[in-house]
């Protein structure tokens, strides 16, 4: 199984947030479509990490540089701060060593861009409380017996883990299928998914305009 779920609806926003010419590491890069777009549209120097041989073959066919590795084993071969941006797009919840993976994002990248589904979203809560069944939604379309999601996290859980690992959340966007959603001040309840820009606590804050172009 590829580490990444299919989430192309985030690609437009991620491309806007990555500065031109950046060094980008994409953890769980899937078929490499996002990295290819970043190379074509933003001139990045990118590398993907993926475990699924079929996805790796598609990366190679499309000219995307990729390394086969299991994220749950860490990426110790990559030096601290060696990439401007580390991407973790709809990948964190399918990992076993979630804390290790997020720690590596903070260590290797000057910035991390992380997108996660929100299992605290009100529609999911409603299905559990009133239907008594594990929820299925457009953002989480898998029935319980074949879902690739290993970790069930809310946006509040993500924030807490990031702080515990010494991370700082510089920016958050609350989304539905990649489009902004009104949360009425209650993102953990009202947002199906979110995008976070994170950094290690000791890293310098982003400069003005550093979140996109």
N, C-alpha and C. Protein backbone atom coordinates (compact mmCIF):
# COMPACT_ATOMS: atom_id res chain seq x y z
N UNK A 1 0.83 -1.20 0.00
CA UNK A 1 0.00 0.00 0.00
C UNK A 1 0.87 1.25 0.00
N UNK A 2 0.54 2.19 -0.89
CA UNK A 2 1.23 3.47 -0.91
C UNK A 2 0.96 4.21 0.39
N UNK A 3 1.97 4.94 0.86
CA UNK A 3 1.78 5.70 2.09
C UNK A 3 0.73 6.79 1.92
N UNK A 4 0.61 7.33 0.70
CA UNK A 4 -0.31 8.45 0.51
C UNK A 4 -1.67 7.98 0.05
N UNK A 5 -2.70 8.55 0.66
CA UNK A 5 -4.04 8.43 0.11
C UNK A 5 -4.16 9.39 -1.06
N UNK A 6 -5.12 9.17 -1.91
CA UNK A 6 -5.32 10.06 -3.05
C UNK A 6 -5.88 11.39 -2.55
N UNK A 7 -5.10 12.46 -2.66
CA UNK A 7 -5.54 13.77 -2.17
C UNK A 7 -5.09 14.87 -3.11
N UNK A 8 -5.40 14.76 -4.41
CA UNK A 8 -4.95 15.79 -5.35
C UNK A 8 -5.60 17.14 -5.12
N UNK A 9 -6.71 17.18 -4.33
CA UNK A 9 -7.36 18.45 -4.07
C UNK A 9 -6.50 19.40 -3.24
N UNK A 10 -5.44 18.90 -2.61
CA UNK A 10 -4.53 19.77 -1.88
C UNK A 10 -3.41 20.33 -2.76
N UNK A 11 -3.23 19.79 -3.94
CA UNK A 11 -2.05 20.11 -4.73
C UNK A 11 -1.94 21.59 -5.09
N UNK A 12 -3.07 22.21 -5.49
CA UNK A 12 -3.02 23.61 -5.89
C UNK A 12 -2.51 24.48 -4.75
N UNK A 13 -3.04 24.26 -3.56
CA UNK A 13 -2.65 25.09 -2.42
C UNK A 13 -1.20 24.83 -2.03
N UNK A 14 -0.77 23.58 -2.03
CA UNK A 14 0.61 23.27 -1.69
C UNK A 14 1.56 23.94 -2.68
N UNK A 15 1.22 23.91 -3.96
CA UNK A 15 2.06 24.56 -4.97
C UNK A 15 2.18 26.06 -4.69
N UNK A 16 1.10 26.68 -4.24
CA UNK A 16 1.16 28.10 -3.91
C UNK A 16 2.06 28.37 -2.72
N UNK A 17 2.12 27.46 -1.78
CA UNK A 17 2.85 27.67 -0.54
C UNK A 17 4.35 27.41 -0.66
N UNK A 18 4.77 26.64 -1.64
CA UNK A 18 6.19 26.30 -1.78
C UNK A 18 6.89 27.37 -2.61
N UNK A 19 7.92 27.96 -2.06
CA UNK A 19 8.64 29.01 -2.76
C UNK A 19 9.40 28.46 -3.95
N UNK A 20 9.47 29.24 -5.04
CA UNK A 20 10.21 28.78 -6.23
C UNK A 20 11.66 28.43 -5.90
N UNK A 21 12.14 27.37 -6.51
CA UNK A 21 13.52 26.96 -6.33
C UNK A 21 13.82 26.22 -5.05
N UNK A 22 12.81 25.90 -4.26
CA UNK A 22 13.03 25.22 -2.98
C UNK A 22 13.53 23.80 -3.18
N UNK A 23 14.22 23.30 -2.18
CA UNK A 23 14.56 21.88 -2.10
C UNK A 23 13.42 21.21 -1.33
N UNK A 24 12.77 20.24 -1.98
CA UNK A 24 11.55 19.65 -1.41
C UNK A 24 11.70 18.14 -1.28
N UNK A 25 11.36 17.64 -0.10
CA UNK A 25 11.31 16.20 0.16
C UNK A 25 9.86 15.84 0.41
N UNK A 26 9.34 14.89 -0.37
CA UNK A 26 7.94 14.50 -0.27
C UNK A 26 7.86 13.09 0.33
N UNK A 27 7.39 13.01 1.58
CA UNK A 27 7.32 11.74 2.28
C UNK A 27 6.00 11.04 1.97
N UNK A 28 6.09 9.84 1.40
CA UNK A 28 4.90 9.15 0.93
C UNK A 28 4.40 9.81 -0.34
N UNK A 29 5.27 9.92 -1.33
CA UNK A 29 5.00 10.74 -2.52
C UNK A 29 4.03 10.11 -3.49
N UNK A 30 3.64 8.84 -3.27
CA UNK A 30 2.71 8.19 -4.18
C UNK A 30 3.27 8.13 -5.59
N UNK A 31 2.46 8.50 -6.58
CA UNK A 31 2.90 8.40 -7.98
C UNK A 31 3.73 9.59 -8.44
N UNK A 32 4.03 10.52 -7.53
CA UNK A 32 4.92 11.63 -7.87
C UNK A 32 4.28 12.80 -8.59
N UNK A 33 2.96 12.79 -8.72
CA UNK A 33 2.29 13.87 -9.46
C UNK A 33 2.54 15.23 -8.82
N UNK A 34 2.47 15.30 -7.49
CA UNK A 34 2.68 16.57 -6.81
C UNK A 34 4.11 17.07 -7.03
N UNK A 35 5.09 16.20 -6.88
CA UNK A 35 6.47 16.62 -7.09
C UNK A 35 6.70 17.07 -8.52
N UNK A 36 6.09 16.40 -9.47
CA UNK A 36 6.24 16.80 -10.87
C UNK A 36 5.64 18.18 -11.10
N UNK A 37 4.48 18.43 -10.50
CA UNK A 37 3.88 19.76 -10.63
C UNK A 37 4.78 20.83 -10.00
N UNK A 38 5.32 20.53 -8.83
CA UNK A 38 6.19 21.50 -8.17
C UNK A 38 7.43 21.80 -9.00
N UNK A 39 7.97 20.78 -9.65
CA UNK A 39 9.14 20.99 -10.51
C UNK A 39 8.78 21.86 -11.71
N UNK A 40 7.63 21.58 -12.31
CA UNK A 40 7.23 22.31 -13.52
C UNK A 40 6.78 23.73 -13.22
N UNK A 41 6.03 23.90 -12.11
CA UNK A 41 5.42 25.20 -11.84
C UNK A 41 6.25 26.09 -10.92
N UNK A 42 7.06 25.46 -10.06
CA UNK A 42 7.80 26.25 -9.06
C UNK A 42 9.31 26.06 -9.17
N UNK A 43 9.75 25.21 -10.08
CA UNK A 43 11.19 25.01 -10.28
C UNK A 43 11.90 24.41 -9.10
N UNK A 44 11.20 23.56 -8.33
CA UNK A 44 11.83 22.97 -7.15
C UNK A 44 12.77 21.84 -7.53
N UNK A 45 13.67 21.56 -6.62
CA UNK A 45 14.51 20.37 -6.72
C UNK A 45 13.94 19.36 -5.73
N UNK A 46 13.26 18.35 -6.25
CA UNK A 46 12.48 17.48 -5.39
C UNK A 46 12.96 16.04 -5.36
N UNK A 47 12.66 15.39 -4.23
CA UNK A 47 12.91 13.96 -4.06
C UNK A 47 11.73 13.36 -3.31
N UNK A 48 11.26 12.23 -3.77
CA UNK A 48 10.17 11.55 -3.10
C UNK A 48 10.64 10.31 -2.37
N UNK A 49 9.94 9.97 -1.29
CA UNK A 49 10.14 8.71 -0.58
C UNK A 49 8.83 7.95 -0.62
N UNK A 50 8.91 6.70 -1.04
CA UNK A 50 7.70 5.90 -1.23
C UNK A 50 8.04 4.44 -0.97
N UNK A 51 7.04 3.66 -0.52
CA UNK A 51 7.27 2.25 -0.22
C UNK A 51 6.64 1.33 -1.27
N UNK A 52 5.63 1.80 -1.98
CA UNK A 52 4.89 0.97 -2.92
C UNK A 52 5.63 0.85 -4.25
N UNK A 53 6.04 -0.36 -4.65
CA UNK A 53 6.80 -0.52 -5.91
C UNK A 53 6.06 -0.01 -7.13
N UNK A 54 4.74 -0.19 -7.19
CA UNK A 54 3.98 0.29 -8.34
C UNK A 54 4.02 1.81 -8.43
N UNK A 55 3.87 2.47 -7.29
CA UNK A 55 3.93 3.93 -7.27
C UNK A 55 5.33 4.41 -7.64
N UNK A 56 6.34 3.72 -7.17
CA UNK A 56 7.72 4.08 -7.51
C UNK A 56 7.95 3.97 -9.01
N UNK A 57 7.42 2.91 -9.61
CA UNK A 57 7.55 2.74 -11.06
C UNK A 57 6.93 3.90 -11.81
N UNK A 58 5.78 4.39 -11.33
CA UNK A 58 5.13 5.52 -11.99
C UNK A 58 5.95 6.80 -11.82
N UNK A 59 6.59 6.96 -10.66
CA UNK A 59 7.48 8.10 -10.46
C UNK A 59 8.62 8.07 -11.48
N UNK A 60 9.25 6.92 -11.60
CA UNK A 60 10.39 6.78 -12.52
C UNK A 60 9.96 7.05 -13.95
N UNK A 61 8.81 6.53 -14.34
CA UNK A 61 8.31 6.74 -15.70
C UNK A 61 8.08 8.21 -16.01
N UNK A 62 7.69 8.98 -15.00
CA UNK A 62 7.41 10.40 -15.21
C UNK A 62 8.60 11.30 -14.89
N UNK A 63 9.75 10.69 -14.59
CA UNK A 63 10.96 11.47 -14.37
C UNK A 63 11.10 12.07 -12.99
N UNK A 64 10.37 11.55 -12.01
CA UNK A 64 10.46 12.05 -10.64
C UNK A 64 11.48 11.22 -9.87
N UNK A 65 12.43 11.89 -9.22
CA UNK A 65 13.43 11.20 -8.41
C UNK A 65 12.76 10.65 -7.16
N UNK A 66 13.01 9.38 -6.87
CA UNK A 66 12.33 8.73 -5.76
C UNK A 66 13.24 7.69 -5.13
N UNK A 67 13.08 7.52 -3.82
CA UNK A 67 13.82 6.51 -3.05
C UNK A 67 12.80 5.60 -2.39
N UNK A 68 13.04 4.29 -2.46
CA UNK A 68 12.14 3.36 -1.77
C UNK A 68 12.57 3.23 -0.32
N UNK A 69 11.64 3.51 0.58
CA UNK A 69 11.93 3.43 2.01
C UNK A 69 10.62 3.36 2.77
N UNK A 70 10.71 2.81 3.98
CA UNK A 70 9.57 2.72 4.89
C UNK A 70 9.67 3.87 5.88
N UNK A 71 8.73 4.79 5.84
CA UNK A 71 8.78 5.95 6.72
C UNK A 71 8.77 5.55 8.19
N UNK A 72 8.17 4.42 8.52
CA UNK A 72 8.13 3.98 9.91
C UNK A 72 9.50 3.59 10.44
N UNK A 73 10.48 3.46 9.55
CA UNK A 73 11.85 3.19 9.97
C UNK A 73 12.67 4.47 10.11
N UNK A 74 12.05 5.60 9.80
CA UNK A 74 12.76 6.87 9.88
C UNK A 74 13.57 7.14 8.63
N UNK A 75 14.14 8.34 8.57
CA UNK A 75 14.98 8.73 7.42
C UNK A 75 16.30 9.30 7.95
N UNK A 76 16.97 8.48 8.75
CA UNK A 76 18.18 8.93 9.43
C UNK A 76 19.29 9.34 8.47
N UNK A 77 19.24 8.86 7.22
CA UNK A 77 20.28 9.20 6.26
C UNK A 77 20.21 10.63 5.75
N UNK A 78 19.15 11.34 6.08
CA UNK A 78 19.01 12.72 5.63
C UNK A 78 19.48 13.66 6.74
N UNK A 79 20.42 14.55 6.45
CA UNK A 79 20.94 15.46 7.49
C UNK A 79 19.89 16.45 7.99
N UNK A 80 20.14 16.97 9.17
CA UNK A 80 19.26 17.98 9.75
C UNK A 80 19.18 19.19 8.82
N UNK A 81 17.98 19.70 8.62
CA UNK A 81 17.80 20.93 7.85
C UNK A 81 18.24 20.86 6.41
N UNK A 82 18.26 19.67 5.83
CA UNK A 82 18.79 19.53 4.47
C UNK A 82 17.79 19.88 3.39
N UNK A 83 16.52 20.10 3.76
CA UNK A 83 15.50 20.49 2.78
C UNK A 83 14.78 21.74 3.25
N UNK A 84 14.41 22.57 2.28
CA UNK A 84 13.64 23.76 2.61
C UNK A 84 12.24 23.40 3.07
N UNK A 85 11.64 22.41 2.39
CA UNK A 85 10.28 22.01 2.69
C UNK A 85 10.19 20.49 2.70
N UNK A 86 9.56 19.94 3.72
CA UNK A 86 9.22 18.52 3.74
C UNK A 86 7.70 18.43 3.69
N UNK A 87 7.21 17.66 2.71
CA UNK A 87 5.76 17.48 2.53
C UNK A 87 5.31 16.19 3.19
N UNK A 88 4.16 16.25 3.82
CA UNK A 88 3.52 15.08 4.40
C UNK A 88 2.02 15.22 4.11
N UNK A 89 1.64 14.86 2.90
CA UNK A 89 0.29 15.13 2.42
C UNK A 89 -0.58 13.88 2.56
N UNK A 90 -1.52 13.93 3.52
CA UNK A 90 -2.43 12.80 3.77
C UNK A 90 -1.66 11.50 3.98
N UNK A 91 -0.60 11.57 4.75
CA UNK A 91 0.28 10.43 4.99
C UNK A 91 0.39 10.08 6.46
N UNK A 92 0.33 11.09 7.33
CA UNK A 92 0.62 10.86 8.75
C UNK A 92 -0.28 9.80 9.35
N UNK A 93 -1.56 9.80 8.98
CA UNK A 93 -2.53 8.89 9.61
C UNK A 93 -2.39 7.44 9.14
N UNK A 94 -1.57 7.18 8.13
CA UNK A 94 -1.40 5.80 7.67
C UNK A 94 -0.06 5.22 8.13
N UNK A 95 0.64 5.93 9.01
CA UNK A 95 1.92 5.44 9.52
C UNK A 95 1.74 4.77 10.88
N UNK A 96 2.61 3.82 11.19
CA UNK A 96 2.62 3.19 12.50
C UNK A 96 3.37 4.05 13.52
N UNK A 97 4.54 4.57 13.12
CA UNK A 97 5.37 5.38 14.01
C UNK A 97 5.10 6.86 13.76
N UNK A 98 3.89 7.28 14.07
CA UNK A 98 3.45 8.63 13.76
C UNK A 98 4.36 9.68 14.38
N UNK A 99 4.73 9.50 15.63
CA UNK A 99 5.59 10.48 16.30
C UNK A 99 6.96 10.55 15.65
N UNK A 100 7.52 9.39 15.26
CA UNK A 100 8.82 9.38 14.61
C UNK A 100 8.76 10.11 13.27
N UNK A 101 7.72 9.85 12.49
CA UNK A 101 7.60 10.48 11.17
C UNK A 101 7.50 12.00 11.31
N UNK A 102 6.68 12.47 12.23
CA UNK A 102 6.54 13.91 12.40
C UNK A 102 7.83 14.53 12.94
N UNK A 103 8.51 13.82 13.81
CA UNK A 103 9.79 14.31 14.32
C UNK A 103 10.81 14.47 13.18
N UNK A 104 10.79 13.53 12.24
CA UNK A 104 11.71 13.61 11.10
C UNK A 104 11.36 14.78 10.18
N UNK A 105 10.08 15.08 10.03
CA UNK A 105 9.69 16.26 9.26
C UNK A 105 10.31 17.51 9.88
N UNK A 106 10.20 17.64 11.20
CA UNK A 106 10.74 18.80 11.89
C UNK A 106 12.27 18.84 11.84
N UNK A 107 12.89 17.70 11.83
CA UNK A 107 14.36 17.64 11.84
C UNK A 107 14.95 17.95 10.46
N UNK A 108 14.40 17.35 9.43
CA UNK A 108 15.01 17.42 8.10
C UNK A 108 14.63 18.69 7.36
N UNK A 109 13.44 19.22 7.60
CA UNK A 109 12.98 20.37 6.85
C UNK A 109 13.05 21.67 7.62
N UNK A 110 13.39 22.75 6.91
CA UNK A 110 13.26 24.07 7.53
C UNK A 110 11.80 24.38 7.80
N UNK A 111 10.92 23.84 6.93
CA UNK A 111 9.49 23.92 7.12
C UNK A 111 8.87 22.59 6.74
N UNK A 112 7.77 22.28 7.36
CA UNK A 112 6.99 21.12 6.95
C UNK A 112 5.60 21.59 6.54
N UNK A 113 5.07 21.01 5.48
CA UNK A 113 3.67 21.22 5.10
C UNK A 113 2.96 19.90 5.29
N UNK A 114 2.03 19.87 6.21
CA UNK A 114 1.36 18.64 6.61
C UNK A 114 -0.13 18.80 6.41
N UNK A 115 -0.76 17.86 5.71
CA UNK A 115 -2.22 17.85 5.62
C UNK A 115 -2.72 16.58 6.30
N UNK A 116 -3.80 16.74 7.05
CA UNK A 116 -4.36 15.60 7.79
C UNK A 116 -5.89 15.65 7.73
N UNK A 117 -6.53 14.47 7.71
CA UNK A 117 -7.98 14.44 7.88
C UNK A 117 -8.31 14.64 9.36
N UNK A 118 -9.49 15.15 9.63
CA UNK A 118 -9.90 15.43 11.00
C UNK A 118 -10.99 14.45 11.42
N UNK A 119 -10.62 13.51 12.27
CA UNK A 119 -11.58 12.54 12.77
C UNK A 119 -12.50 13.12 13.85
N UNK A 120 -12.27 14.40 14.20
CA UNK A 120 -13.16 15.08 15.12
C UNK A 120 -14.26 15.86 14.42
N UNK A 121 -14.29 15.81 13.09
CA UNK A 121 -15.28 16.54 12.30
C UNK A 121 -16.69 16.11 12.71
N UNK A 122 -17.61 17.07 12.71
CA UNK A 122 -18.93 16.81 13.28
C UNK A 122 -19.68 15.71 12.55
N UNK A 123 -19.52 15.57 11.25
CA UNK A 123 -20.23 14.51 10.52
C UNK A 123 -19.79 13.12 10.97
N UNK A 124 -18.49 12.99 11.27
CA UNK A 124 -17.99 11.71 11.75
C UNK A 124 -18.53 11.42 13.15
N UNK A 125 -18.54 12.43 14.00
CA UNK A 125 -19.09 12.25 15.35
C UNK A 125 -20.56 11.85 15.27
N UNK A 126 -21.31 12.50 14.38
CA UNK A 126 -22.74 12.23 14.24
C UNK A 126 -22.98 10.78 13.83
N UNK A 127 -22.17 10.29 12.87
CA UNK A 127 -22.37 8.92 12.41
C UNK A 127 -22.11 7.90 13.53
N UNK A 128 -21.11 8.17 14.36
CA UNK A 128 -20.81 7.24 15.45
C UNK A 128 -21.91 7.30 16.51
N UNK A 129 -22.31 8.52 16.89
CA UNK A 129 -23.27 8.67 17.99
C UNK A 129 -24.67 8.20 17.59
N UNK A 130 -25.12 8.59 16.41
CA UNK A 130 -26.52 8.34 16.05
C UNK A 130 -26.73 7.12 15.17
N UNK A 131 -25.69 6.69 14.48
CA UNK A 131 -25.82 5.48 13.68
C UNK A 131 -25.14 4.28 14.32
N UNK A 132 -24.22 4.57 15.23
CA UNK A 132 -23.52 3.49 15.90
C UNK A 132 -22.58 2.73 14.99
N UNK A 133 -22.09 3.39 13.96
CA UNK A 133 -21.21 2.74 12.99
C UNK A 133 -19.99 3.61 12.73
N UNK A 134 -18.90 2.99 12.31
CA UNK A 134 -17.72 3.75 11.94
C UNK A 134 -18.05 4.59 10.72
N UNK A 135 -17.65 5.86 10.73
CA UNK A 135 -18.10 6.79 9.69
C UNK A 135 -17.44 6.59 8.34
N UNK A 136 -18.18 6.93 7.30
CA UNK A 136 -17.69 6.98 5.93
C UNK A 136 -18.15 8.32 5.35
N UNK A 137 -17.20 9.12 4.88
CA UNK A 137 -17.52 10.41 4.29
C UNK A 137 -16.73 10.58 2.99
N UNK A 138 -16.95 11.70 2.31
CA UNK A 138 -16.20 11.96 1.08
C UNK A 138 -14.71 12.11 1.37
N UNK A 139 -14.37 12.71 2.51
CA UNK A 139 -12.97 12.86 2.87
C UNK A 139 -12.36 11.56 3.38
N UNK A 140 -13.19 10.68 3.94
CA UNK A 140 -12.74 9.39 4.47
C UNK A 140 -13.67 8.32 3.90
N UNK A 141 -13.45 7.93 2.63
CA UNK A 141 -14.44 7.11 1.92
C UNK A 141 -14.33 5.61 2.16
N UNK A 142 -13.45 5.18 3.05
CA UNK A 142 -13.20 3.75 3.21
C UNK A 142 -14.04 3.15 4.33
N UNK A 143 -14.66 1.99 4.13
CA UNK A 143 -15.30 1.29 5.25
C UNK A 143 -14.24 0.80 6.23
N UNK A 144 -14.63 0.54 7.45
CA UNK A 144 -13.67 0.24 8.51
C UNK A 144 -12.79 -0.96 8.20
N UNK A 145 -13.30 -1.94 7.44
CA UNK A 145 -12.55 -3.18 7.23
C UNK A 145 -11.51 -3.08 6.13
N UNK A 146 -11.48 -1.97 5.38
CA UNK A 146 -10.45 -1.86 4.35
C UNK A 146 -9.81 -0.47 4.33
N UNK A 147 -9.98 0.28 5.41
CA UNK A 147 -9.37 1.61 5.44
C UNK A 147 -7.85 1.52 5.60
N UNK A 148 -7.10 2.36 4.88
CA UNK A 148 -5.65 2.41 5.09
C UNK A 148 -5.27 3.25 6.30
N UNK A 149 -6.24 3.94 6.90
CA UNK A 149 -5.93 4.79 8.04
C UNK A 149 -5.67 3.95 9.29
N UNK A 150 -4.49 4.12 9.85
CA UNK A 150 -4.09 3.38 11.04
C UNK A 150 -4.32 4.23 12.29
N UNK A 151 -4.05 5.51 12.18
CA UNK A 151 -4.19 6.44 13.31
C UNK A 151 -5.43 7.29 13.14
N UNK A 152 -6.18 7.42 14.20
CA UNK A 152 -7.39 8.25 14.20
C UNK A 152 -7.08 9.50 15.02
N UNK A 153 -6.91 10.62 14.34
CA UNK A 153 -6.51 11.83 15.05
C UNK A 153 -7.44 12.99 14.71
N UNK A 154 -7.55 13.90 15.65
CA UNK A 154 -8.27 15.14 15.43
C UNK A 154 -7.25 16.26 15.23
N UNK A 155 -7.73 17.43 14.85
CA UNK A 155 -6.82 18.57 14.68
C UNK A 155 -6.20 18.96 16.01
N UNK A 156 -6.96 18.82 17.07
CA UNK A 156 -6.43 19.11 18.40
C UNK A 156 -5.33 18.11 18.77
N UNK A 157 -5.51 16.85 18.41
CA UNK A 157 -4.47 15.85 18.66
C UNK A 157 -3.20 16.19 17.91
N UNK A 158 -3.34 16.63 16.65
CA UNK A 158 -2.15 16.98 15.87
C UNK A 158 -1.41 18.13 16.52
N UNK A 159 -2.13 19.15 16.92
CA UNK A 159 -1.47 20.30 17.55
C UNK A 159 -0.72 19.89 18.81
N UNK A 160 -1.33 19.04 19.60
CA UNK A 160 -0.70 18.60 20.84
C UNK A 160 0.56 17.79 20.57
N UNK A 161 0.51 16.90 19.57
CA UNK A 161 1.69 16.09 19.24
C UNK A 161 2.80 16.97 18.70
N UNK A 162 2.44 17.93 17.86
CA UNK A 162 3.46 18.82 17.32
C UNK A 162 4.18 19.57 18.43
N UNK A 163 3.44 20.10 19.38
CA UNK A 163 4.07 20.80 20.51
C UNK A 163 4.94 19.85 21.32
N UNK A 164 4.46 18.63 21.55
CA UNK A 164 5.22 17.67 22.34
C UNK A 164 6.57 17.35 21.71
N UNK A 165 6.61 17.34 20.38
CA UNK A 165 7.84 17.02 19.66
C UNK A 165 8.73 18.23 19.43
N UNK A 166 8.36 19.36 20.01
CA UNK A 166 9.18 20.57 19.86
C UNK A 166 8.89 21.33 18.59
N UNK A 167 7.70 21.17 18.05
CA UNK A 167 7.33 21.86 16.83
C UNK A 167 6.48 23.09 17.09
N UNK A 168 6.50 23.99 16.14
CA UNK A 168 5.69 25.20 16.18
C UNK A 168 4.81 25.22 14.93
N UNK A 169 3.53 25.47 15.11
CA UNK A 169 2.62 25.61 13.98
C UNK A 169 2.59 27.08 13.59
N UNK A 170 3.16 27.39 12.44
CA UNK A 170 3.21 28.78 11.97
C UNK A 170 1.91 29.21 11.32
N UNK A 171 1.22 28.27 10.71
CA UNK A 171 0.07 28.63 9.90
C UNK A 171 -0.84 27.42 9.79
N UNK A 172 -2.14 27.65 9.81
CA UNK A 172 -3.11 26.56 9.65
C UNK A 172 -4.23 27.02 8.72
N UNK A 173 -4.67 26.11 7.87
CA UNK A 173 -5.81 26.36 6.99
C UNK A 173 -6.78 25.20 7.15
N UNK A 174 -8.05 25.53 7.25
CA UNK A 174 -9.08 24.51 7.46
C UNK A 174 -9.85 24.34 6.16
N UNK A 175 -9.96 23.09 5.72
CA UNK A 175 -10.34 22.83 4.33
C UNK A 175 -11.42 21.76 4.21
N UNK A 176 -12.09 21.81 3.06
CA UNK A 176 -12.94 20.72 2.61
C UNK A 176 -12.62 20.48 1.15
N UNK A 177 -12.05 19.33 0.84
CA UNK A 177 -11.62 19.01 -0.52
C UNK A 177 -10.70 20.10 -1.08
N UNK A 178 -9.81 20.61 -0.24
CA UNK A 178 -8.83 21.59 -0.67
C UNK A 178 -9.31 23.02 -0.67
N UNK A 179 -10.61 23.28 -0.43
CA UNK A 179 -11.14 24.63 -0.42
C UNK A 179 -11.35 25.10 1.01
N UNK A 180 -11.16 26.40 1.29
CA UNK A 180 -11.35 26.91 2.65
C UNK A 180 -12.78 26.67 3.14
N UNK A 181 -12.89 26.39 4.43
CA UNK A 181 -14.20 26.17 5.03
C UNK A 181 -14.35 27.07 6.25
N UNK A 182 -15.54 27.60 6.46
CA UNK A 182 -15.79 28.41 7.64
C UNK A 182 -15.94 27.50 8.85
N UNK A 183 -15.20 27.82 9.89
CA UNK A 183 -15.21 26.97 11.08
C UNK A 183 -15.93 27.60 12.26
N UNK A 184 -16.32 28.87 12.15
CA UNK A 184 -17.03 29.56 13.23
C UNK A 184 -16.24 29.51 14.54
N UNK A 185 -14.92 29.50 14.39
CA UNK A 185 -14.06 29.45 15.57
C UNK A 185 -13.94 28.09 16.21
N UNK A 186 -14.46 27.05 15.53
CA UNK A 186 -14.43 25.69 16.07
C UNK A 186 -13.86 24.74 15.03
N UNK A 187 -12.58 24.90 14.65
CA UNK A 187 -12.03 24.07 13.57
C UNK A 187 -12.02 22.58 13.88
N UNK A 188 -11.83 22.22 15.14
CA UNK A 188 -11.79 20.79 15.48
C UNK A 188 -13.14 20.12 15.26
N UNK A 189 -14.20 20.91 15.24
CA UNK A 189 -15.54 20.39 15.03
C UNK A 189 -16.02 20.58 13.59
N UNK A 190 -15.63 21.68 12.96
CA UNK A 190 -16.24 22.08 11.71
C UNK A 190 -15.40 21.80 10.46
N UNK A 191 -14.12 21.48 10.60
CA UNK A 191 -13.25 21.28 9.43
C UNK A 191 -13.01 19.80 9.16
N UNK A 192 -13.30 19.32 7.95
CA UNK A 192 -13.03 17.92 7.63
C UNK A 192 -11.54 17.59 7.54
N UNK A 193 -10.73 18.60 7.21
CA UNK A 193 -9.30 18.38 7.05
C UNK A 193 -8.59 19.70 7.25
N UNK A 194 -7.26 19.63 7.38
CA UNK A 194 -6.50 20.85 7.61
C UNK A 194 -5.12 20.74 7.00
N UNK A 195 -4.56 21.90 6.72
CA UNK A 195 -3.18 22.02 6.26
C UNK A 195 -2.42 22.85 7.28
N UNK A 196 -1.27 22.35 7.71
CA UNK A 196 -0.44 23.04 8.69
C UNK A 196 0.95 23.29 8.10
N UNK A 197 1.48 24.47 8.39
CA UNK A 197 2.90 24.74 8.14
C UNK A 197 3.58 24.73 9.50
N UNK A 198 4.58 23.87 9.63
CA UNK A 198 5.23 23.68 10.91
C UNK A 198 6.75 23.86 10.78
N UNK A 199 7.38 24.10 11.91
CA UNK A 199 8.84 24.17 11.97
C UNK A 199 9.29 23.74 13.34
N UNK A 200 10.57 23.41 13.47
CA UNK A 200 11.14 23.13 14.77
C UNK A 200 11.18 24.40 15.59
N UNK A 201 11.03 24.27 16.91
CA UNK A 201 10.96 25.45 17.77
C UNK A 201 12.21 26.32 17.66
N UNK A 202 13.36 25.72 17.38
CA UNK A 202 14.60 26.49 17.30
C UNK A 202 14.85 27.12 15.95
N UNK A 203 14.03 26.81 14.95
CA UNK A 203 14.24 27.36 13.62
C UNK A 203 13.70 28.78 13.52
N UNK A 204 14.29 29.55 12.60
CA UNK A 204 13.86 30.93 12.43
C UNK A 204 12.46 30.97 11.83
N UNK A 205 11.63 31.90 12.28
CA UNK A 205 10.28 32.05 11.70
C UNK A 205 10.36 32.40 10.22
N UNK A 206 9.29 32.11 9.50
CA UNK A 206 9.22 32.47 8.10
C UNK A 206 9.26 33.98 7.94
N UNK A 207 9.87 34.40 6.85
CA UNK A 207 9.86 35.82 6.52
C UNK A 207 8.50 36.19 5.95
N UNK A 208 8.13 37.46 5.99
CA UNK A 208 6.84 37.87 5.40
C UNK A 208 6.75 37.42 3.95
N UNK A 209 5.62 36.84 3.60
CA UNK A 209 5.47 36.33 2.23
C UNK A 209 6.09 34.99 2.01
N UNK A 210 6.70 34.41 3.07
CA UNK A 210 7.40 33.16 2.89
C UNK A 210 6.51 31.95 2.78
N UNK A 211 5.20 32.15 2.86
CA UNK A 211 4.28 31.02 2.78
C UNK A 211 3.72 30.84 1.39
N UNK A 212 4.21 31.52 0.46
CA UNK A 212 3.67 31.31 -0.89
C UNK A 212 4.24 32.28 -1.87
N UNK A 213 3.66 32.29 -3.06
CA UNK A 213 4.12 33.18 -4.09
C UNK A 213 3.15 33.16 -5.22
